[in-house]
Amino acid sequence: EVRYQRDKEHAHEPGRSRVYFAPTDLGREILAT
């Protein structure tokens, strides 16, 4: 899944979010097959 978030080290500064990716439950399950 896509998550738009700010870098932790720059969270207090103005600026735009970056695109991050996180595994879904389905993604984790497929690796276990």
ModelCIF file with pLDDT and N, C-alpha, C, O atoms, coordinates in Angstrom:
data_MODEL
#
_entry.id   MODEL 
#
_entity.id                         1 
_entity.type                       polymer 
_entity.pdbx_number_of_molecules   1 
#
_entity_poly.entity_id                      1 
_entity_poly.type                           'polypeptide(L)' 
_entity_poly.nstd_linkage                   no 
_entity_poly.nstd_monomer                   no 
_entity_poly.pdbx_seq_one_letter_code       EVRYQRDKEHAHEPGRSRVYFAPTDLGREILAT 
_entity_poly.pdbx_seq_one_letter_code_can   EVRYQRDKEHAHEPGRSRVYFAPTDLGREILAT 
_entity_poly.pdbx_strand_id                 A 
#
loop_
_entity_poly_seq.entity_id 
_entity_poly_seq.num 
_entity_poly_seq.mon_id 
_entity_poly_seq.hetero 
1 1  GLU n 
1 2  VAL n 
1 3  ARG n 
1 4  TYR n 
1 5  GLN n 
1 6  ARG n 
1 7  ASP n 
1 8  LYS n 
1 9  GLU n 
1 10 HIS n 
1 11 ALA n 
1 12 HIS n 
1 13 GLU n 
1 14 PRO n 
1 15 GLY n 
1 16 ARG n 
1 17 SER n 
1 18 ARG n 
1 19 VAL n 
1 20 TYR n 
1 21 PHE n 
1 22 ALA n 
1 23 PRO n 
1 24 THR n 
1 25 ASP n 
1 26 LEU n 
1 27 GLY n 
1 28 ARG n 
1 29 GLU n 
1 30 ILE n 
1 31 LEU n 
1 32 ALA n 
1 33 THR n 
#
_struct_asym.id          A 
_struct_asym.entity_id   1 
#
loop_
_ma_qa_metric.id 
_ma_qa_metric.mode 
_ma_qa_metric.name 
_ma_qa_metric.software_group_id 
_ma_qa_metric.type 
1 global pLDDT . pLDDT 
2 local  pLDDT . pLDDT 
#
_ma_qa_metric_global.metric_id      1 
_ma_qa_metric_global.metric_value   81.33 
_ma_qa_metric_global.model_id       1 
_ma_qa_metric_global.ordinal_id     1 
#
loop_
_ma_qa_metric_local.label_asym_id 
_ma_qa_metric_local.label_comp_id 
_ma_qa_metric_local.label_seq_id 
_ma_qa_metric_local.metric_id 
_ma_qa_metric_local.metric_value 
_ma_qa_metric_local.model_id 
_ma_qa_metric_local.ordinal_id 
A GLU 1  2 96.00 1 1  
A VAL 2  2 96.00 1 2  
A ARG 3  2 93.00 1 3  
A TYR 4  2 90.00 1 4  
A GLN 5  2 85.00 1 5  
A ARG 6  2 77.00 1 6  
A ASP 7  2 69.00 1 7  
A LYS 8  2 64.00 1 8  
A GLU 9  2 60.00 1 9  
A HIS 10 2 55.00 1 10 
A ALA 11 2 58.00 1 11 
A HIS 12 2 64.00 1 12 
A GLU 13 2 63.00 1 13 
A PRO 14 2 68.00 1 14 
A GLY 15 2 70.00 1 15 
A ARG 16 2 78.00 1 16 
A SER 17 2 83.00 1 17 
A ARG 18 2 89.00 1 18 
A VAL 19 2 92.00 1 19 
A TYR 20 2 95.00 1 20 
A PHE 21 2 97.00 1 21 
A ALA 22 2 96.00 1 22 
A PRO 23 2 95.00 1 23 
A THR 24 2 93.00 1 24 
A ASP 25 2 89.00 1 25 
A LEU 26 2 88.00 1 26 
A GLY 27 2 90.00 1 27 
A ARG 28 2 89.00 1 28 
A GLU 29 2 84.00 1 29 
A ILE 30 2 83.00 1 30 
A LEU 31 2 83.00 1 31 
A ALA 32 2 80.00 1 32 
A THR 33 2 72.00 1 33 
#
loop_
_atom_site.group_PDB 
_atom_site.id 
_atom_site.type_symbol 
_atom_site.label_atom_id 
_atom_site.label_alt_id 
_atom_site.label_comp_id 
_atom_site.label_asym_id 
_atom_site.label_entity_id 
_atom_site.label_seq_id 
_atom_site.pdbx_PDB_ins_code 
_atom_site.Cartn_x 
_atom_site.Cartn_y 
_atom_site.Cartn_z 
_atom_site.occupancy 
_atom_site.B_iso_or_equiv 
_atom_site.pdbx_formal_charge 
_atom_site.auth_seq_id 
_atom_site.auth_comp_id 
_atom_site.auth_asym_id 
_atom_site.auth_atom_id 
_atom_site.pdbx_PDB_model_num 
ATOM 1   N N  . GLU A 1 1  ? 0.843  -1.185  0.000  1.00 96.00 ? 1  GLU A N  1 
ATOM 2   C CA . GLU A 1 1  ? 0.000  0.000   0.000  1.00 96.00 ? 1  GLU A CA 1 
ATOM 3   C C  . GLU A 1 1  ? 0.879  1.235   0.000  1.00 96.00 ? 1  GLU A C  1 
ATOM 4   O O  . GLU A 1 1  ? 2.000  1.217   0.509  1.00 96.00 ? 1  GLU A O  1 
ATOM 5   N N  . VAL A 1 2  ? 0.362  2.300   -0.571 1.00 96.00 ? 2  VAL A N  1 
ATOM 6   C CA . VAL A 1 2  ? 1.090  3.560   -0.641 1.00 96.00 ? 2  VAL A CA 1 
ATOM 7   C C  . VAL A 1 2  ? 0.739  4.395   0.580  1.00 96.00 ? 2  VAL A C  1 
ATOM 8   O O  . VAL A 1 2  ? -0.415 4.465   1.002  1.00 96.00 ? 2  VAL A O  1 
ATOM 9   N N  . ARG A 1 3  ? 1.755  5.016   1.126  1.00 93.00 ? 3  ARG A N  1 
ATOM 10  C CA . ARG A 1 3  ? 1.569  5.961   2.223  1.00 93.00 ? 3  ARG A CA 1 
ATOM 11  C C  . ARG A 1 3  ? 2.335  7.229   1.875  1.00 93.00 ? 3  ARG A C  1 
ATOM 12  O O  . ARG A 1 3  ? 3.507  7.181   1.499  1.00 93.00 ? 3  ARG A O  1 
ATOM 13  N N  . TYR A 1 4  ? 1.666  8.343   2.005  1.00 90.00 ? 4  TYR A N  1 
ATOM 14  C CA . TYR A 1 4  ? 2.323  9.620   1.790  1.00 90.00 ? 4  TYR A CA 1 
ATOM 15  C C  . TYR A 1 4  ? 2.681  10.180  3.156  1.00 90.00 ? 4  TYR A C  1 
ATOM 16  O O  . TYR A 1 4  ? 1.808  10.428  3.988  1.00 90.00 ? 4  TYR A O  1 
ATOM 17  N N  . GLN A 1 5  ? 3.962  10.374  3.375  1.00 85.00 ? 5  GLN A N  1 
ATOM 18  C CA . GLN A 1 5  ? 4.398  10.874  4.673  1.00 85.00 ? 5  GLN A CA 1 
ATOM 19  C C  . GLN A 1 5  ? 5.662  11.709  4.519  1.00 85.00 ? 5  GLN A C  1 
ATOM 20  O O  . GLN A 1 5  ? 6.337  11.677  3.490  1.00 85.00 ? 5  GLN A O  1 
ATOM 21  N N  . ARG A 1 6  ? 5.947  12.431  5.543  1.00 77.00 ? 6  ARG A N  1 
ATOM 22  C CA . ARG A 1 6  ? 7.132  13.276  5.558  1.00 77.00 ? 6  ARG A CA 1 
ATOM 23  C C  . ARG A 1 6  ? 8.275  12.488  6.177  1.00 77.00 ? 6  ARG A C  1 
ATOM 24  O O  . ARG A 1 6  ? 8.056  11.611  7.012  1.00 77.00 ? 6  ARG A O  1 
ATOM 25  N N  . ASP A 1 7  ? 9.490  12.806  5.762  1.00 69.00 ? 7  ASP A N  1 
ATOM 26  C CA . ASP A 1 7  ? 10.665 12.187  6.372  1.00 69.00 ? 7  ASP A CA 1 
ATOM 27  C C  . ASP A 1 7  ? 10.692 12.514  7.854  1.00 69.00 ? 7  ASP A C  1 
ATOM 28  O O  . ASP A 1 7  ? 10.402 13.644  8.248  1.00 69.00 ? 7  ASP A O  1 
ATOM 29  N N  . LYS A 1 8  ? 11.034 11.546  8.668  1.00 64.00 ? 8  LYS A N  1 
ATOM 30  C CA . LYS A 1 8  ? 11.057 11.763  10.120 1.00 64.00 ? 8  LYS A CA 1 
ATOM 31  C C  . LYS A 1 8  ? 12.030 12.863  10.521 1.00 64.00 ? 8  LYS A C  1 
ATOM 32  O O  . LYS A 1 8  ? 11.744 13.653  11.421 1.00 64.00 ? 8  LYS A O  1 
ATOM 33  N N  . GLU A 1 9  ? 13.187 12.915  9.850  1.00 60.00 ? 9  GLU A N  1 
ATOM 34  C CA . GLU A 1 9  ? 14.179 13.921  10.234 1.00 60.00 ? 9  GLU A CA 1 
ATOM 35  C C  . GLU A 1 9  ? 13.789 15.337  9.809  1.00 60.00 ? 9  GLU A C  1 
ATOM 36  O O  . GLU A 1 9  ? 14.367 16.310  10.295 1.00 60.00 ? 9  GLU A O  1 
ATOM 37  N N  . HIS A 1 10 ? 12.803 15.461  8.897  1.00 55.00 ? 10 HIS A N  1 
ATOM 38  C CA . HIS A 1 10 ? 12.360 16.776  8.442  1.00 55.00 ? 10 HIS A CA 1 
ATOM 39  C C  . HIS A 1 10 ? 10.885 17.017  8.760  1.00 55.00 ? 10 HIS A C  1 
ATOM 40  O O  . HIS A 1 10 ? 10.262 17.890  8.155  1.00 55.00 ? 10 HIS A O  1 
ATOM 41  N N  . ALA A 1 11 ? 10.332 16.276  9.678  1.00 58.00 ? 11 ALA A N  1 
ATOM 42  C CA . ALA A 1 11 ? 8.894  16.352  9.953  1.00 58.00 ? 11 ALA A CA 1 
ATOM 43  C C  . ALA A 1 11 ? 8.468  17.729  10.465 1.00 58.00 ? 11 ALA A C  1 
ATOM 44  O O  . ALA A 1 11 ? 7.332  18.144  10.240 1.00 58.00 ? 11 ALA A O  1 
ATOM 45  N N  . HIS A 1 12 ? 9.357  18.430  11.142 1.00 64.00 ? 12 HIS A N  1 
ATOM 46  C CA . HIS A 1 12 ? 8.999  19.734  11.702 1.00 64.00 ? 12 HIS A CA 1 
ATOM 47  C C  . HIS A 1 12 ? 9.159  20.876  10.691 1.00 64.00 ? 12 HIS A C  1 
ATOM 48  O O  . HIS A 1 12 ? 8.764  22.007  10.973 1.00 64.00 ? 12 HIS A O  1 
ATOM 49  N N  . GLU A 1 13 ? 9.726  20.592  9.530  1.00 63.00 ? 13 GLU A N  1 
ATOM 50  C CA . GLU A 1 13 ? 9.954  21.606  8.502  1.00 63.00 ? 13 GLU A CA 1 
ATOM 51  C C  . GLU A 1 13 ? 8.841  21.566  7.465  1.00 63.00 ? 13 GLU A C  1 
ATOM 52  O O  . GLU A 1 13 ? 8.260  20.511  7.211  1.00 63.00 ? 13 GLU A O  1 
ATOM 53  N N  . PRO A 1 14 ? 8.541  22.722  6.862  1.00 68.00 ? 14 PRO A N  1 
ATOM 54  C CA . PRO A 1 14 ? 7.543  22.697  5.790  1.00 68.00 ? 14 PRO A CA 1 
ATOM 55  C C  . PRO A 1 14 ? 8.081  21.949  4.576  1.00 68.00 ? 14 PRO A C  1 
ATOM 56  O O  . PRO A 1 14 ? 9.291  21.878  4.359  1.00 68.00 ? 14 PRO A O  1 
ATOM 57  N N  . GLY A 1 15 ? 7.197  21.412  3.819  1.00 70.00 ? 15 GLY A N  1 
ATOM 58  C CA . GLY A 1 15 ? 7.593  20.665  2.627  1.00 70.00 ? 15 GLY A CA 1 
ATOM 59  C C  . GLY A 1 15 ? 6.535  19.654  2.271  1.00 70.00 ? 15 GLY A C  1 
ATOM 60  O O  . GLY A 1 15 ? 5.535  19.503  2.972  1.00 70.00 ? 15 GLY A O  1 
ATOM 61  N N  . ARG A 1 16 ? 6.762  18.966  1.182  1.00 78.00 ? 16 ARG A N  1 
ATOM 62  C CA . ARG A 1 16 ? 5.749  18.022  0.746  1.00 78.00 ? 16 ARG A CA 1 
ATOM 63  C C  . ARG A 1 16 ? 6.071  16.598  1.193  1.00 78.00 ? 16 ARG A C  1 
ATOM 64  O O  . ARG A 1 16 ? 7.205  16.265  1.540  1.00 78.00 ? 16 ARG A O  1 
ATOM 65  N N  . SER A 1 17 ? 5.050  15.795  1.168  1.00 83.00 ? 17 SER A N  1 
ATOM 66  C CA . SER A 1 17 ? 5.176  14.390  1.549  1.00 83.00 ? 17 SER A CA 1 
ATOM 67  C C  . SER A 1 17 ? 5.868  13.606  0.449  1.00 83.00 ? 17 SER A C  1 
ATOM 68  O O  . SER A 1 17 ? 5.898  14.020  -0.710 1.00 83.00 ? 17 SER A O  1 
ATOM 69  N N  . ARG A 1 18 ? 6.420  12.475  0.831  1.00 89.00 ? 18 ARG A N  1 
ATOM 70  C CA . ARG A 1 18 ? 7.053  11.567  -0.123 1.00 89.00 ? 18 ARG A CA 1 
ATOM 71  C C  . ARG A 1 18 ? 6.247  10.273  -0.175 1.00 89.00 ? 18 ARG A C  1 
ATOM 72  O O  . ARG A 1 18 ? 5.464  9.972   0.727  1.00 89.00 ? 18 ARG A O  1 
ATOM 73  N N  . VAL A 1 19 ? 6.453  9.523   -1.241 1.00 92.00 ? 19 VAL A N  1 
ATOM 74  C CA . VAL A 1 19 ? 5.731  8.264   -1.434 1.00 92.00 ? 19 VAL A CA 1 
ATOM 75  C C  . VAL A 1 19 ? 6.511  7.136   -0.752 1.00 92.00 ? 19 VAL A C  1 
ATOM 76  O O  . VAL A 1 19 ? 7.686  6.910   -1.040 1.00 92.00 ? 19 VAL A O  1 
ATOM 77  N N  . TYR A 1 20 ? 5.841  6.448   0.139  1.00 95.00 ? 20 TYR A N  1 
ATOM 78  C CA . TYR A 1 20 ? 6.408  5.282   0.821  1.00 95.00 ? 20 TYR A CA 1 
ATOM 79  C C  . TYR A 1 20 ? 5.516  4.082   0.536  1.00 95.00 ? 20 TYR A C  1 
ATOM 80  O O  . TYR A 1 20 ? 4.337  4.225   0.211  1.00 95.00 ? 20 TYR A O  1 
ATOM 81  N N  . PHE A 1 21 ? 6.097  2.909   0.664  1.00 97.00 ? 21 PHE A N  1 
ATOM 82  C CA . PHE A 1 21 ? 5.350  1.672   0.416  1.00 97.00 ? 21 PHE A CA 1 
ATOM 83  C C  . PHE A 1 21 ? 5.438  0.772   1.642  1.00 97.00 ? 21 PHE A C  1 
ATOM 84  O O  . PHE A 1 21 ? 6.497  0.639   2.256  1.00 97.00 ? 21 PHE A O  1 
ATOM 85  N N  . ALA A 1 22 ? 4.321  0.160   1.986  1.00 96.00 ? 22 ALA A N  1 
ATOM 86  C CA . ALA A 1 22 ? 4.263  -0.772  3.109  1.00 96.00 ? 22 ALA A CA 1 
ATOM 87  C C  . ALA A 1 22 ? 3.576  -2.049  2.650  1.00 96.00 ? 22 ALA A C  1 
ATOM 88  O O  . ALA A 1 22 ? 2.643  -1.990  1.849  1.00 96.00 ? 22 ALA A O  1 
ATOM 89  N N  . PRO A 1 23 ? 4.017  -3.198  3.140  1.00 95.00 ? 23 PRO A N  1 
ATOM 90  C CA . PRO A 1 23 ? 3.376  -4.456  2.742  1.00 95.00 ? 23 PRO A CA 1 
ATOM 91  C C  . PRO A 1 23 ? 1.975  -4.569  3.344  1.00 95.00 ? 23 PRO A C  1 
ATOM 92  O O  . PRO A 1 23 ? 1.726  -4.114  4.460  1.00 95.00 ? 23 PRO A O  1 
ATOM 93  N N  . THR A 1 24 ? 1.082  -5.171  2.597  1.00 93.00 ? 24 THR A N  1 
ATOM 94  C CA . THR A 1 24 ? -0.254 -5.461  3.117  1.00 93.00 ? 24 THR A CA 1 
ATOM 95  C C  . THR A 1 24 ? -0.227 -6.850  3.750  1.00 93.00 ? 24 THR A C  1 
ATOM 96  O O  . THR A 1 24 ? 0.757  -7.579  3.622  1.00 93.00 ? 24 THR A O  1 
ATOM 97  N N  . ASP A 1 25 ? -1.298 -7.206  4.425  1.00 89.00 ? 25 ASP A N  1 
ATOM 98  C CA . ASP A 1 25 ? -1.397 -8.563  4.973  1.00 89.00 ? 25 ASP A CA 1 
ATOM 99  C C  . ASP A 1 25 ? -1.314 -9.597  3.857  1.00 89.00 ? 25 ASP A C  1 
ATOM 100 O O  . ASP A 1 25 ? -0.672 -10.637 4.005  1.00 89.00 ? 25 ASP A O  1 
ATOM 101 N N  . LEU A 1 26 ? -1.975 -9.298  2.736  1.00 88.00 ? 26 LEU A N  1 
ATOM 102 C CA . LEU A 1 26 ? -1.927 -10.203 1.589  1.00 88.00 ? 26 LEU A CA 1 
ATOM 103 C C  . LEU A 1 26 ? -0.493 -10.348 1.084  1.00 88.00 ? 26 LEU A C  1 
ATOM 104 O O  . LEU A 1 26 ? -0.062 -11.451 0.748  1.00 88.00 ? 26 LEU A O  1 
ATOM 105 N N  . GLY A 1 27 ? 0.239  -9.251  1.031  1.00 90.00 ? 27 GLY A N  1 
ATOM 106 C CA . GLY A 1 27 ? 1.632  -9.296  0.607  1.00 90.00 ? 27 GLY A CA 1 
ATOM 107 C C  . GLY A 1 27 ? 2.481  -10.163 1.511  1.00 90.00 ? 27 GLY A C  1 
ATOM 108 O O  . GLY A 1 27 ? 3.310  -10.942 1.042  1.00 90.00 ? 27 GLY A O  1 
ATOM 109 N N  . ARG A 1 28 ? 2.269  -10.025 2.818  1.00 89.00 ? 28 ARG A N  1 
ATOM 110 C CA . ARG A 1 28 ? 3.022  -10.860 3.772  1.00 89.00 ? 28 ARG A CA 1 
ATOM 111 C C  . ARG A 1 28 ? 2.646  -12.334 3.621  1.00 89.00 ? 28 ARG A C  1 
ATOM 112 O O  . ARG A 1 28 ? 3.499  -13.215 3.725  1.00 89.00 ? 28 ARG A O  1 
ATOM 113 N N  . GLU A 1 29 ? 1.362  -12.589 3.376  1.00 84.00 ? 29 GLU A N  1 
ATOM 114 C CA . GLU A 1 29 ? 0.904  -13.976 3.222  1.00 84.00 ? 29 GLU A CA 1 
ATOM 115 C C  . GLU A 1 29 ? 1.510  -14.640 1.996  1.00 84.00 ? 29 GLU A C  1 
ATOM 116 O O  . GLU A 1 29 ? 1.887  -15.811 2.041  1.00 84.00 ? 29 GLU A O  1 
ATOM 117 N N  . ILE A 1 30 ? 1.604  -13.898 0.909  1.00 83.00 ? 30 ILE A N  1 
ATOM 118 C CA . ILE A 1 30 ? 2.118  -14.512 -0.319 1.00 83.00 ? 30 ILE A CA 1 
ATOM 119 C C  . ILE A 1 30 ? 3.575  -14.918 -0.152 1.00 83.00 ? 30 ILE A C  1 
ATOM 120 O O  . ILE A 1 30 ? 4.019  -15.892 -0.760 1.00 83.00 ? 30 ILE A O  1 
ATOM 121 N N  . LEU A 1 31 ? 4.320  -14.186 0.663  1.00 83.00 ? 31 LEU A N  1 
ATOM 122 C CA . LEU A 1 31 ? 5.723  -14.557 0.898  1.00 83.00 ? 31 LEU A CA 1 
ATOM 123 C C  . LEU A 1 31 ? 5.837  -15.829 1.734  1.00 83.00 ? 31 LEU A C  1 
ATOM 124 O O  . LEU A 1 31 ? 6.855  -16.519 1.686  1.00 83.00 ? 31 LEU A O  1 
ATOM 125 N N  . ALA A 1 32 ? 4.805  -16.133 2.489  1.00 80.00 ? 32 ALA A N  1 
ATOM 126 C CA . ALA A 1 32 ? 4.831  -17.319 3.337  1.00 80.00 ? 32 ALA A CA 1 
ATOM 127 C C  . ALA A 1 32 ? 4.375  -18.577 2.604  1.00 80.00 ? 32 ALA A C  1 
ATOM 128 O O  . ALA A 1 32 ? 4.447  -19.671 3.164  1.00 80.00 ? 32 ALA A O  1 
ATOM 129 N N  . THR A 1 33 ? 3.906  -18.442 1.359  1.00 72.00 ? 33 THR A N  1 
ATOM 130 C CA . THR A 1 33 ? 3.413  -19.602 0.628  1.00 72.00 ? 33 THR A CA 1 
ATOM 131 C C  . THR A 1 33 ? 4.557  -20.427 0.060  1.00 72.00 ? 33 THR A C  1 
ATOM 132 O O  . THR A 1 33 ? 4.320  -21.446 -0.589 1.00 72.00 ? 33 THR A O  1 
#
